[in-house]
């Protein structure tokens, strides 16, 4: 079964579990989502985990129950499809090669055109946001979901020193290698977003909020996101 087919079955099951048939007849499902764009080492994945914890503690289970985080899991769905033989490691790292170099990599590693792979990823991201209750980390999600509602699109940044320290601990790297990795990852992500969407990943106008994890705790950001989601969902409900 193709990846999109498997994902569709999964999403339908998730949606069905949100409500009973009687409730569905009374009012439409709540389908909020959160996207997290992040600098390397700024704590995007940790923020997603903090959100899950904070969401699960809320009394409003209709809105905050049964959320899921999608990042590497999403890429594994794509990688399992035999049509897409893009290196899983590169996909997880959000590596993006310049189109001029892509033919060389296709021949060397027997991959398909990378734009096709990323288009497939973007389709999955759109499906996840459409069904709702998804926290999507990276994968161009903030741009893919532009104009969709009710969603919250975040950008997470941090001081270089803090990001380097986090990468040293996370990847067991020296300071020099962590700094190089930070620059490489940031450059690749910026290139991906500019190539596919024609925007600057660091443009604050592309997001609902830009958070500095060097100044705000993950719990503070999660709580602020809860308030914003409540406002967004309330605005979409009929009077």
Foldseek 3Di string as FASTA:
>chain_A
DALVVVLVVVLVVLLPVLDPPVVCVVDPAQAEEEEEEEFQQLCRVVLVVLLLVVLVPDPPCSARNDAEEDALVLLVSLCVGPLFPPDSVCVSLLADDDQVCQVVVCVVVVGDRVVVSLVVSLVSLVVNSVSHSYYYYASLNLVSCVPPPDYFYEYGYEDPVNSLVSQCVVVVDDSVVSSVSSVNSNVRSQVVCCVPPVDGPPPQVSGPYYYYCHVDPSNVVSVVVVVSSVVRSVVPDDD
